[in-house]
PDB file of N, CA and C in Angstrom:
ATOM      1  N   LEU A   1      -3.638  -7.809  -2.418  1.00  0.00           N
ATOM      2  CA  LEU A   1      -3.391  -9.306  -1.626  1.00  0.00           C
ATOM      3  C   LEU A   1      -4.368 -10.212  -2.401  1.00  0.00           C
ATOM      4  N   MET A   2      -5.592  -9.761  -2.850  1.00  0.00           N
ATOM      5  CA  MET A   2      -6.414 -10.649  -3.549  1.00  0.00           C
ATOM      6  C   MET A   2      -5.868 -11.043  -4.825  1.00  0.00           C
ATOM      7  N   LEU A   3      -5.238 -10.211  -5.573  1.00  0.00           N
ATOM      8  CA  LEU A   3      -4.613 -10.464  -6.817  1.00  0.00           C
ATOM      9  C   LEU A   3      -3.499 -11.583  -6.585  1.00  0.00           C
ATOM     10  N   VAL A   4      -2.654 -11.486  -5.571  1.00  0.00           N
ATOM     11  CA  VAL A   4      -1.796 -12.586  -5.265  1.00  0.00           C
ATOM     12  C   VAL A   4      -2.366 -13.877  -4.966  1.00  0.00           C
ATOM     13  N   TRP A   5      -3.331 -13.686  -4.099  1.00  0.00           N
ATOM     14  CA  TRP A   5      -4.142 -14.928  -3.772  1.00  0.00           C
ATOM     15  C   TRP A   5      -4.858 -15.686  -4.971  1.00  0.00           C
ATOM     16  N   GLN A   6      -5.453 -14.799  -5.800  1.00  0.00           N
ATOM     17  CA  GLN A   6      -5.966 -15.392  -6.976  1.00  0.00           C
ATOM     18  C   GLN A   6      -4.910 -16.219  -7.988  1.00  0.00           C
ATOM     19  N   GLY A   7      -3.786 -15.523  -8.014  1.00  0.00           N
ATOM     20  CA  GLY A   7      -2.553 -16.090  -8.770  1.00  0.00           C
ATOM     21  C   GLY A   7      -2.240 -17.545  -8.147  1.00  0.00           C
ATOM     22  N   ILE A   8      -2.167 -17.540  -6.862  1.00  0.00           N
ATOM     23  CA  ILE A   8      -1.789 -18.799  -6.200  1.00  0.00           C
ATOM     24  C   ILE A   8      -2.870 -19.792  -6.324  1.00  0.00           C
ATOM     25  N   ALA A   9      -4.150 -19.508  -6.203  1.00  0.00           N
ATOM     26  CA  ALA A   9      -5.238 -20.332  -6.337  1.00  0.00           C
ATOM     27  C   ALA A   9      -5.296 -20.898  -7.734  1.00  0.00           C
ATOM     28  N   THR A  10      -5.112 -20.064  -8.768  1.00  0.00           N
ATOM     29  CA  THR A  10      -5.112 -20.390 -10.176  1.00  0.00           C
ATOM     30  C   THR A  10      -3.924 -21.516 -10.433  1.00  0.00           C
ATOM     31  N   TYR A  11      -2.791 -21.170  -9.973  1.00  0.00           N
ATOM     32  CA  TYR A  11      -1.750 -22.064 -10.143  1.00  0.00           C
ATOM     33  C   TYR A  11      -2.016 -23.581  -9.479  1.00  0.00           C
ATOM     34  N   LEU A  12      -2.571 -23.316  -8.312  1.00  0.00           N
ATOM     35  CA  LEU A  12      -2.894 -24.769  -7.565  1.00  0.00           C
ATOM     36  C   LEU A  12      -3.975 -25.582  -8.420  1.00  0.00           C
ATOM     37  N   ASP A  13      -4.879 -24.604  -9.048  1.00  0.00           N
ATOM     38  CA  ASP A  13      -6.027 -25.350  -9.817  1.00  0.00           C
ATOM     39  C   ASP A  13      -5.291 -25.948 -11.166  1.00  0.00           C
ATOM     40  N   TYR A  14      -4.372 -25.241 -11.627  1.00  0.00           N
ATOM     41  CA  TYR A  14      -3.687 -25.797 -12.809  1.00  0.00           C
ATOM     42  C   TYR A  14      -2.902 -27.027 -12.479  1.00  0.00           C
ATOM     43  N   LEU A  15      -2.319 -27.124 -11.227  1.00  0.00           N
ATOM     44  CA  LEU A  15      -1.562 -28.353 -10.971  1.00  0.00           C
ATOM     45  C   LEU A  15      -2.494 -29.598 -10.583  1.00  0.00           C
ATOM     46  N   HIS A  16      -3.691 -29.286 -10.150  1.00  0.00           N
ATOM     47  CA  HIS A  16      -4.643 -30.393  -9.821  1.00  0.00           C
ATOM     48  C   HIS A  16      -5.431 -30.717 -11.068  1.00  0.00           C
ATOM     49  N   HIS A  17      -5.832 -29.914 -11.951  1.00  0.00           N
ATOM     50  CA  HIS A  17      -6.716 -30.168 -13.047  1.00  0.00           C
ATOM     51  C   HIS A  17      -6.187 -29.634 -14.398  1.00  0.00           C
ATOM     52  N   ARG A  18      -5.093 -30.196 -14.777  1.00  0.00           N
ATOM     53  CA  ARG A  18      -4.244 -29.685 -16.027  1.00  0.00           C
ATOM     54  C   ARG A  18      -5.351 -29.796 -17.165  1.00  0.00           C
ATOM     55  N   ALA A  19      -6.008 -30.942 -17.413  1.00  0.00           N
ATOM     56  CA  ALA A  19      -6.750 -31.057 -18.488  1.00  0.00           C
ATOM     57  C   ALA A  19      -7.982 -30.184 -18.641  1.00  0.00           C
ATOM     58  N   GLN A  20      -8.658 -29.948 -17.459  1.00  0.00           N
ATOM     59  CA  GLN A  20      -9.820 -29.098 -17.373  1.00  0.00           C
ATOM     60  C   GLN A  20      -9.431 -27.649 -16.972  1.00  0.00           C
ATOM     61  N   PHE A  21      -8.242 -27.345 -17.060  1.00  0.00           N
ATOM     62  CA  PHE A  21      -7.850 -25.899 -16.469  1.00  0.00           C
ATOM     63  C   PHE A  21      -8.433 -24.830 -17.303  1.00  0.00           C
ATOM     64  N   ASN A  22      -9.011 -23.863 -16.640  1.00  0.00           N
ATOM     65  CA  ASN A  22      -9.620 -22.610 -17.261  1.00  0.00           C
ATOM     66  C   ASN A  22      -8.995 -21.481 -16.624  1.00  0.00           C
ATOM     67  N   PRO A  23      -8.245 -20.716 -17.405  1.00  0.00           N
ATOM     68  CA  PRO A  23      -7.666 -19.393 -16.804  1.00  0.00           C
ATOM     69  C   PRO A  23      -8.530 -18.214 -16.820  1.00  0.00           C
ATOM     70  N   GLU A  24      -9.905 -18.510 -16.829  1.00  0.00           N
ATOM     71  CA  GLU A  24     -10.880 -17.336 -17.014  1.00  0.00           C
ATOM     72  C   GLU A  24     -10.899 -16.616 -15.745  1.00  0.00           C
ATOM     73  N   ASN A  25     -10.820 -17.201 -14.602  1.00  0.00           N
ATOM     74  CA  ASN A  25     -10.876 -16.473 -13.257  1.00  0.00           C
ATOM     75  C   ASN A  25      -9.776 -15.603 -13.161  1.00  0.00           C
ATOM     76  N   LEU A  26      -8.549 -16.107 -13.441  1.00  0.00           N
ATOM     77  CA  LEU A  26      -7.345 -15.142 -13.332  1.00  0.00           C
ATOM     78  C   LEU A  26      -7.502 -14.071 -14.261  1.00  0.00           C
ATOM     79  N   GLU A  27      -7.950 -14.288 -15.416  1.00  0.00           N
ATOM     80  CA  GLU A  27      -8.059 -13.208 -16.474  1.00  0.00           C
ATOM     81  C   GLU A  27      -9.087 -12.136 -16.048  1.00  0.00           C
ATOM     82  N   GLN A  28     -10.139 -12.600 -15.377  1.00  0.00           N
ATOM     83  CA  GLN A  28     -11.168 -11.678 -14.823  1.00  0.00           C
ATOM     84  C   GLN A  28     -10.628 -10.876 -13.736  1.00  0.00           C
ATOM     85  N   THR A  29      -9.912 -11.545 -12.800  1.00  0.00           N
ATOM     86  CA  THR A  29      -9.344 -10.872 -11.695  1.00  0.00           C
ATOM     87  C   THR A  29      -8.347  -9.833 -12.288  1.00  0.00           C
ATOM     88  N   GLY A  30      -7.454 -10.184 -13.155  1.00  0.00           N
ATOM     89  CA  GLY A  30      -6.474  -9.228 -13.694  1.00  0.00           C
ATOM     90  C   GLY A  30      -7.209  -8.005 -14.432  1.00  0.00           C
ATOM     91  N   LEU A  31      -8.342  -8.237 -15.094  1.00  0.00           N
ATOM     92  CA  LEU A  31      -9.132  -7.232 -15.676  1.00  0.00           C
ATOM     93  C   LEU A  31      -9.692  -6.249 -14.628  1.00  0.00           C
ATOM     94  N   TYR A  32     -10.199  -6.786 -13.574  1.00  0.00           N
ATOM     95  CA  TYR A  32     -10.743  -5.919 -12.578  1.00  0.00           C
ATOM     96  C   TYR A  32      -9.641  -5.123 -11.822  1.00  0.00           C
ATOM     97  N   TYR A  33      -8.588  -5.745 -11.667  1.00  0.00           N
ATOM     98  CA  TYR A  33      -7.322  -4.920 -11.144  1.00  0.00           C
ATOM     99  C   TYR A  33      -6.865  -3.856 -11.908  1.00  0.00           C
ATOM    100  N   LEU A  34      -6.740  -4.256 -13.286  1.00  0.00           N
ATOM    101  CA  LEU A  34      -6.395  -3.218 -14.216  1.00  0.00           C
ATOM    102  C   LEU A  34      -7.407  -1.909 -14.255  1.00  0.00           C
ATOM    103  N   ALA A  35      -8.647  -2.300 -14.100  1.00  0.00           N
ATOM    104  CA  ALA A  35      -9.674  -1.259 -14.210  1.00  0.00           C
ATOM    105  C   ALA A  35      -9.510  -0.403 -12.834  1.00  0.00           C
ATOM    106  N   PHE A  36      -9.200  -1.010 -11.719  1.00  0.00           N
ATOM    107  CA  PHE A  36      -9.104  -0.312 -10.452  1.00  0.00           C
ATOM    108  C   PHE A  36      -7.917   0.593 -10.590  1.00  0.00           C
ATOM    109  N   VAL A  37      -6.777   0.146 -11.061  1.00  0.00           N
ATOM    110  CA  VAL A  37      -5.644   0.945 -11.341  1.00  0.00           C
ATOM    111  C   VAL A  37      -5.958   2.179 -12.197  1.00  0.00           C
ATOM    112  N   MET A  38      -6.626   1.832 -13.307  1.00  0.00           N
ATOM    113  CA  MET A  38      -6.912   2.965 -14.259  1.00  0.00           C
ATOM    114  C   MET A  38      -7.793   3.975 -13.613  1.00  0.00           C
ATOM    115  N   ILE A  39      -8.856   3.589 -12.906  1.00  0.00           N
ATOM    116  CA  ILE A  39      -9.745   4.554 -12.184  1.00  0.00           C
ATOM    117  C   ILE A  39      -8.933   5.398 -11.230  1.00  0.00           C
ATOM    118  N   ASP A  40      -8.126   4.693 -10.473  1.00  0.00           N
ATOM    119  CA  ASP A  40      -7.150   5.348  -9.433  1.00  0.00           C
ATOM    120  C   ASP A  40      -6.339   6.375 -10.107  1.00  0.00           C
ATOM    121  N   LEU A  41      -5.738   6.009 -11.434  1.00  0.00           N
ATOM    122  CA  LEU A  41      -4.946   6.848 -12.101  1.00  0.00           C
ATOM    123  C   LEU A  41      -5.639   8.094 -12.711  1.00  0.00           C
ATOM    124  N   ILE A  42      -6.741   7.839 -13.109  1.00  0.00           N
ATOM    125  CA  ILE A  42      -7.720   8.965 -13.636  1.00  0.00           C
ATOM    126  C   ILE A  42      -8.055   9.958 -12.627  1.00  0.00           C
ATOM    127  N   THR A  43      -8.409   9.402 -11.381  1.00  0.00           N
ATOM    128  CA  THR A  43      -8.585  10.397 -10.248  1.00  0.00           C
ATOM    129  C   THR A  43      -7.432  11.107  -9.783  1.00  0.00           C
ATOM    130  N   GLY A  44      -6.325  10.430  -9.903  1.00  0.00           N
ATOM    131  CA  GLY A  44      -4.912  11.092  -9.581  1.00  0.00           C
ATOM    132  C   GLY A  44      -4.798  12.256 -10.617  1.00  0.00           C
ATOM    133  N   ILE A  45      -4.982  11.967 -11.902  1.00  0.00           N
ATOM    134  CA  ILE A  45      -4.841  13.048 -12.925  1.00  0.00           C
ATOM    135  C   ILE A  45      -5.762  14.266 -12.619  1.00  0.00           C
ATOM    136  N   VAL A  46      -6.992  14.000 -12.333  1.00  0.00           N
ATOM    137  CA  VAL A  46      -7.951  15.006 -11.928  1.00  0.00           C
ATOM    138  C   VAL A  46      -7.478  15.781 -10.652  1.00  0.00           C
ATOM    139  N   ALA A  47      -7.016  15.067  -9.576  1.00  0.00           N
ATOM    140  CA  ALA A  47      -6.479  15.714  -8.367  1.00  0.00           C
ATOM    141  C   ALA A  47      -5.205  16.646  -8.802  1.00  0.00           C
ATOM    142  N   PHE A  48      -4.326  16.061  -9.621  1.00  0.00           N
ATOM    143  CA  PHE A  48      -3.175  16.807 -10.079  1.00  0.00           C
ATOM    144  C   PHE A  48      -3.607  18.004 -10.937  1.00  0.00           C
ATOM    145  N   SER A  49      -4.663  17.924 -11.560  1.00  0.00           N
ATOM    146  CA  SER A  49      -4.965  19.164 -12.426  1.00  0.00           C
ATOM    147  C   SER A  49      -5.589  20.237 -11.481  1.00  0.00           C
ATOM    148  N   PHE A  50      -5.977  19.917 -10.446  1.00  0.00           N
ATOM    149  CA  PHE A  50      -6.563  20.964  -9.510  1.00  0.00           C
ATOM    150  C   PHE A  50      -5.495  21.693  -8.802  1.00  0.00           C
ATOM    151  N   GLU A  51      -4.312  21.079  -8.689  1.00  0.00           N
ATOM    152  CA  GLU A  51      -3.281  21.672  -8.013  1.00  0.00           C
ATOM    153  C   GLU A  51      -2.258  22.315  -9.003  1.00  0.00           C
ATOM    154  N   ARG A  52      -2.117  23.491  -9.121  1.00  0.00           N
ATOM    155  CA  ARG A  52      -1.329  24.388 -10.129  1.00  0.00           C
ATOM    156  C   ARG A  52       0.157  23.953  -9.986  1.00  0.00           C
ATOM    157  N   SER A  53       0.632  23.803  -8.810  1.00  0.00           N
ATOM    158  CA  SER A  53       2.061  23.740  -8.710  1.00  0.00           C
ATOM    159  C   SER A  53       2.605  22.197  -8.438  1.00  0.00           C
ATOM    160  N   GLU A  54       1.758  21.296  -8.812  1.00  0.00           N
ATOM    161  CA  GLU A  54       1.971  19.947  -8.638  1.00  0.00           C
ATOM    162  C   GLU A  54       3.015  19.380  -9.585  1.00  0.00           C
ATOM    163  N   ASN A  55       3.883  18.524  -9.158  1.00  0.00           N
ATOM    164  CA  ASN A  55       5.081  17.911 -10.069  1.00  0.00           C
ATOM    165  C   ASN A  55       4.332  16.680 -10.816  1.00  0.00           C
ATOM    166  N   TRP A  56       4.113  16.875 -12.111  1.00  0.00           N
ATOM    167  CA  TRP A  56       3.379  15.824 -12.803  1.00  0.00           C
ATOM    168  C   TRP A  56       4.199  14.625 -13.112  1.00  0.00           C
ATOM    169  N   ARG A  57       5.557  14.698 -12.849  1.00  0.00           N
ATOM    170  CA  ARG A  57       6.439  13.630 -13.030  1.00  0.00           C
ATOM    171  C   ARG A  57       6.270  12.546 -11.906  1.00  0.00           C
ATOM    172  N   LEU A  58       5.517  12.846 -10.894  1.00  0.00           N
ATOM    173  CA  LEU A  58       5.155  11.899  -9.801  1.00  0.00           C
ATOM    174  C   LEU A  58       4.001  10.945 -10.128  1.00  0.00           C
ATOM    175  N   LEU A  59       3.178  11.354 -11.157  1.00  0.00           N
ATOM    176  CA  LEU A  59       2.036  10.590 -11.559  1.00  0.00           C
ATOM    177  C   LEU A  59       2.268   9.186 -11.900  1.00  0.00           C
ATOM    178  N   PRO A  60       3.340   8.872 -12.801  1.00  0.00           N
ATOM    179  CA  PRO A  60       3.487   7.483 -13.026  1.00  0.00           C
ATOM    180  C   PRO A  60       3.615   6.578 -11.804  1.00  0.00           C
ATOM    181  N   TRP A  61       4.220   7.084 -10.726  1.00  0.00           N
ATOM    182  CA  TRP A  61       4.487   6.271  -9.530  1.00  0.00           C
ATOM    183  C   TRP A  61       3.266   6.027  -8.747  1.00  0.00           C
ATOM    184  N   LEU A  62       2.152   6.557  -9.023  1.00  0.00           N
ATOM    185  CA  LEU A  62       0.988   6.447  -8.270  1.00  0.00           C
ATOM    186  C   LEU A  62       0.426   5.001  -8.106  1.00  0.00           C
ATOM    187  N   PRO A  63       0.517   4.216  -9.194  1.00  0.00           N
ATOM    188  CA  PRO A  63       0.025   2.662  -9.071  1.00  0.00           C
ATOM    189  C   PRO A  63       0.862   2.096  -8.157  1.00  0.00           C
ATOM    190  N   PHE A  64       2.208   2.304  -8.148  1.00  0.00           N
ATOM    191  CA  PHE A  64       3.072   1.556  -7.273  1.00  0.00           C
ATOM    192  C   PHE A  64       3.045   1.958  -5.693  1.00  0.00           C
ATOM    193  N   GLN A  65       2.753   3.235  -5.706  1.00  0.00           N
ATOM    194  CA  GLN A  65       2.523   3.882  -4.345  1.00  0.00           C
ATOM    195  C   GLN A  65       1.409   3.357  -3.701  1.00  0.00           C
ATOM    196  N   ARG A  66       0.385   3.234  -4.397  1.00  0.00           N
ATOM    197  CA  ARG A  66      -1.027   2.737  -3.865  1.00  0.00           C
ATOM    198  C   ARG A  66      -0.821   1.312  -3.434  1.00  0.00           C
ATOM    199  N   PHE A  67      -0.154   0.581  -4.215  1.00  0.00           N
ATOM    200  CA  PHE A  67       0.075  -1.005  -3.798  1.00  0.00           C
ATOM    201  C   PHE A  67       1.067  -1.077  -2.559  1.00  0.00           C
ATOM    202  N   GLY A  68       2.063  -0.350  -2.656  1.00  0.00           N
ATOM    203  CA  GLY A  68       3.101  -0.449  -1.497  1.00  0.00           C
ATOM    204  C   GLY A  68       2.380   0.122  -0.283  1.00  0.00           C
ATOM    205  N   TYR A  69       1.777   1.257  -0.392  1.00  0.00           N
ATOM    206  CA  TYR A  69       1.290   1.955   0.833  1.00  0.00           C
ATOM    207  C   TYR A  69       0.190   1.010   1.380  1.00  0.00           C
ATOM    208  N   ARG A  70      -0.726   0.409   0.719  1.00  0.00           N
ATOM    209  CA  ARG A  70      -1.684  -0.436   1.299  1.00  0.00           C
ATOM    210  C   ARG A  70      -1.077  -1.630   2.051  1.00  0.00           C
ATOM    211  N   GLN A  71      -0.179  -2.283   1.479  1.00  0.00           N
ATOM    212  CA  GLN A  71       0.608  -3.313   2.016  1.00  0.00           C
ATOM    213  C   GLN A  71       1.182  -2.892   3.320  1.00  0.00           C
ATOM    214  N   LEU A  72       1.760  -1.757   3.406  1.00  0.00           N
ATOM    215  CA  LEU A  72       2.421  -1.101   4.538  1.00  0.00           C
ATOM    216  C   LEU A  72       1.258  -0.960   5.649  1.00  0.00           C
ATOM    217  N   MET A  73       0.168  -0.335   5.233  1.00  0.00           N
ATOM    218  CA  MET A  73      -0.997  -0.144   6.286  1.00  0.00           C
ATOM    219  C   MET A  73      -1.528  -1.347   6.746  1.00  0.00           C
ATOM    220  N   TYR A  74      -1.614  -2.393   6.016  1.00  0.00           N
ATOM    221  CA  TYR A  74      -2.133  -3.724   6.513  1.00  0.00           C
ATOM    222  C   TYR A  74      -1.177  -4.230   7.553  1.00  0.00           C
ATOM    223  N   TRP A  75       0.050  -3.959   7.377  1.00  0.00           N
ATOM    224  CA  TRP A  75       1.086  -4.520   8.380  1.00  0.00           C
ATOM    225  C   TRP A  75       0.820  -3.695   9.616  1.00  0.00           C
ATOM    226  N   VAL A  76       0.712  -2.269   9.588  1.00  0.00           N
ATOM    227  CA  VAL A  76       0.536  -1.410  10.592  1.00  0.00           C
ATOM    228  C   VAL A  76      -0.722  -1.811  11.485  1.00  0.00           C
ATOM    229  N   VAL A  77      -1.901  -2.026  10.748  1.00  0.00           N
ATOM    230  CA  VAL A  77      -3.132  -2.446  11.374  1.00  0.00           C
ATOM    231  C   VAL A  77      -2.955  -3.748  12.107  1.00  0.00           C
ATOM    232  N   LEU A  78      -2.453  -4.785  11.498  1.00  0.00           N
ATOM    233  CA  LEU A  78      -2.205  -6.007  12.071  1.00  0.00           C
ATOM    234  C   LEU A  78      -1.372  -5.987  13.331  1.00  0.00           C
ATOM    235  N   LYS A  79      -0.284  -5.190  13.315  1.00  0.00           N
ATOM    236  CA  LYS A  79       0.687  -4.867  14.507  1.00  0.00           C
ATOM    237  C   LYS A  79      -0.166  -4.274  15.568  1.00  0.00           C
ATOM    238  N   SER A  80      -0.969  -3.216  15.160  1.00  0.00           N
ATOM    239  CA  SER A  80      -1.689  -2.504  16.203  1.00  0.00           C
ATOM    240  C   SER A  80      -2.807  -3.408  16.869  1.00  0.00           C
ATOM    241  N   VAL A  81      -3.422  -4.189  16.048  1.00  0.00           N
ATOM    242  CA  VAL A  81      -4.574  -5.067  16.643  1.00  0.00           C
ATOM    243  C   VAL A  81      -3.774  -6.175  17.590  1.00  0.00           C
ATOM    244  N   ALA A  82      -2.657  -6.625  17.188  1.00  0.00           N
ATOM    245  CA  ALA A  82      -1.988  -7.550  17.949  1.00  0.00           C
ATOM    246  C   ALA A  82      -1.537  -6.988  19.317  1.00  0.00           C
ATOM    247  N   ALA A  83      -1.052  -5.791  19.328  1.00  0.00           N
ATOM    248  CA  ALA A  83      -0.651  -5.040  20.577  1.00  0.00           C
ATOM    249  C   ALA A  83      -1.881  -4.859  21.388  1.00  0.00           C
ATOM    250  N   ALA A  84      -3.049  -4.351  20.696  1.00  0.00           N
ATOM    251  CA  ALA A  84      -4.206  -4.107  21.661  1.00  0.00           C
ATOM    252  C   ALA A  84      -4.772  -5.451  22.194  1.00  0.00           C
ATOM    253  N   MET A  85      -4.787  -6.535  21.513  1.00  0.00           N
ATOM    254  CA  MET A  85      -5.345  -7.801  21.955  1.00  0.00           C
ATOM    255  C   MET A  85      -4.328  -8.358  23.044  1.00  0.00           C
ATOM    256  N   GLY A  86      -3.056  -8.033  22.885  1.00  0.00           N
ATOM    257  CA  GLY A  86      -2.134  -8.403  23.965  1.00  0.00           C
ATOM    258  C   GLY A  86      -2.093  -7.615  25.206  1.00  0.00           C
ATOM    259  N   GLY A  87      -2.790  -6.431  25.246  1.00  0.00           N
ATOM    260  CA  GLY A  87      -2.918  -5.564  26.314  1.00  0.00           C
ATOM    261  C   GLY A  87      -1.810  -4.713  26.419  1.00  0.00           C
ATOM    262  N   LEU A  88      -0.835  -4.526  25.516  1.00  0.00           N
ATOM    263  CA  LEU A  88       0.348  -3.773  25.598  1.00  0.00           C
ATOM    264  C   LEU A  88       0.001  -2.280  25.432  1.00  0.00           C
ATOM    265  N   PHE A  89       0.524  -1.486  26.272  1.00  0.00           N
ATOM    266  CA  PHE A  89       0.347   0.023  26.134  1.00  0.00           C
ATOM    267  C   PHE A  89       1.348   0.506  25.150  1.00  0.00           C
ATOM    268  N   VAL A  90       0.906   1.145  24.120  1.00  0.00           N
ATOM    269  CA  VAL A  90       1.932   1.607  23.197  1.00  0.00           C
ATOM    270  C   VAL A  90       1.587   3.190  23.091  1.00  0.00           C
ATOM    271  N   GLY A  91       2.689   3.814  23.598  1.00  0.00           N
ATOM    272  CA  GLY A  91       2.640   5.294  23.631  1.00  0.00           C
ATOM    273  C   GLY A  91       3.711   5.844  22.726  1.00  0.00           C
ATOM    274  N   TRP A  92       3.744   7.212  22.932  1.00  0.00           N
ATOM    275  CA  TRP A  92       4.782   7.889  22.125  1.00  0.00           C
ATOM    276  C   TRP A  92       6.180   7.778  22.661  1.00  0.00           C
ATOM    277  N   GLY A  93       6.322   7.232  23.964  1.00  0.00           N
ATOM    278  CA  GLY A  93       7.665   7.116  24.469  1.00  0.00           C
ATOM    279  C   GLY A  93       8.058   8.441  25.162  1.00  0.00           C
ATOM    280  N   LYS A  94       9.107   8.448  25.881  1.00  0.00           N
ATOM    281  CA  LYS A  94       9.608   9.595  26.578  1.00  0.00           C
ATOM    282  C   LYS A  94      10.892   9.988  26.181  1.00  0.00           C
ATOM    283  N   GLN A  95      11.214  11.213  25.779  1.00  0.00           N
ATOM    284  CA  GLN A  95      12.348  11.718  25.274  1.00  0.00           C
ATOM    285  C   GLN A  95      13.211  12.287  26.508  1.00  0.00           C
ATOM    286  N   ASP A  96      14.360  11.594  26.803  1.00  0.00           N
ATOM    287  CA  ASP A  96      15.169  12.348  27.900  1.00  0.00           C
ATOM    288  C   ASP A  96      15.824  13.491  27.490  1.00  0.00           C
ATOM    289  N   ARG A  97      15.714  14.405  28.441  1.00  0.00           N
ATOM    290  CA  ARG A  97      16.486  15.787  28.206  1.00  0.00           C
ATOM    291  C   ARG A  97      17.754  15.699  28.763  1.00  0.00           C
ATOM    292  N   LYS A  98      18.845  16.176  28.003  1.00  0.00           N
ATOM    293  CA  LYS A  98      20.245  16.041  28.504  1.00  0.00           C
ATOM    294  C   LYS A  98      20.902  17.535  28.611  1.00  0.00           C
ATOM    295  N   ALA A  99      20.262  18.491  28.153  1.00  0.00           N
ATOM    296  CA  ALA A  99      20.905  19.889  28.253  1.00  0.00           C
ATOM    297  C   ALA A  99      22.161  20.072  27.618  1.00  0.00           C
ATOM    298  N   THR A 100      22.471  19.361  26.377  1.00  0.00           N
ATOM    299  CA  THR A 100      23.763  19.292  25.858  1.00  0.00           C
ATOM    300  C   THR A 100      23.985  20.400  24.737  1.00  0.00           C
ATOM    301  N   VAL A 101      22.858  21.217  24.512  1.00  0.00           N
ATOM    302  CA  VAL A 101      22.894  22.039  23.250  1.00  0.00           C
ATOM    303  C   VAL A 101      23.256  23.303  23.856  1.00  0.00           C
ATOM    304  N   THR A 102      24.353  24.076  23.209  1.00  0.00           N
ATOM    305  CA  THR A 102      24.663  25.575  23.594  1.00  0.00           C
ATOM    306  C   THR A 102      24.171  26.397  22.466  1.00  0.00           C
ATOM    307  N   ALA A 103      23.593  27.481  22.867  1.00  0.00           N
ATOM    308  CA  ALA A 103      23.318  28.506  21.902  1.00  0.00           C
ATOM    309  C   ALA A 103      24.248  29.552  21.536  1.00  0.00           C
ATOM    310  N   ASN A 104      24.496  29.797  20.378  1.00  0.00           N
ATOM    311  CA  ASN A 104      25.536  30.745  19.989  1.00  0.00           C
ATOM    312  C   ASN A 104      24.867  32.114  19.771  1.00  0.00           C
ATOM    313  N   VAL A 105      25.152  33.019  20.644  1.00  0.00           N
ATOM    314  CA  VAL A 105      24.460  34.336  20.489  1.00  0.00           C
ATOM    315  C   VAL A 105      25.424  35.296  19.950  1.00  0.00           C
ATOM    316  N   SER A 106      25.194  35.857  18.939  1.00  0.00           N
ATOM    317  CA  SER A 106      26.076  36.830  18.347  1.00  0.00           C
ATOM    318  C   SER A 106      25.549  38.390  18.486  1.00  0.00           C
ATOM    319  N   PRO A 107      26.523  39.257  18.922  1.00  0.00           N
ATOM    320  CA  PRO A 107      25.950  40.563  19.123  1.00  0.00           C
ATOM    321  C   PRO A 107      25.632  41.320  17.868  1.00  0.00           C
TER     322      PRO A 107
END
């Protein structure tokens, strides 16, 4: 989210100050984000190496999964906080039993 925000802020800065525009902030943010992704990928490689039966073809998906999963978790947290502040009780729900399944017993 911060990377997206920095991109928007840099674009607005460019629109307002074309002559004095300096892309250094965006470059620095991109460098830090790349470092974060590389450290995450390296720790993923270490974790994969500890597990003998791990599917190594999944490793390239790790950066995409990290980004998408974090955004999903932000949504879940915001939704949970809104429900808690609204005083809503959020439970597991109740499953109605209908007794429609029959068991086939073979001799």
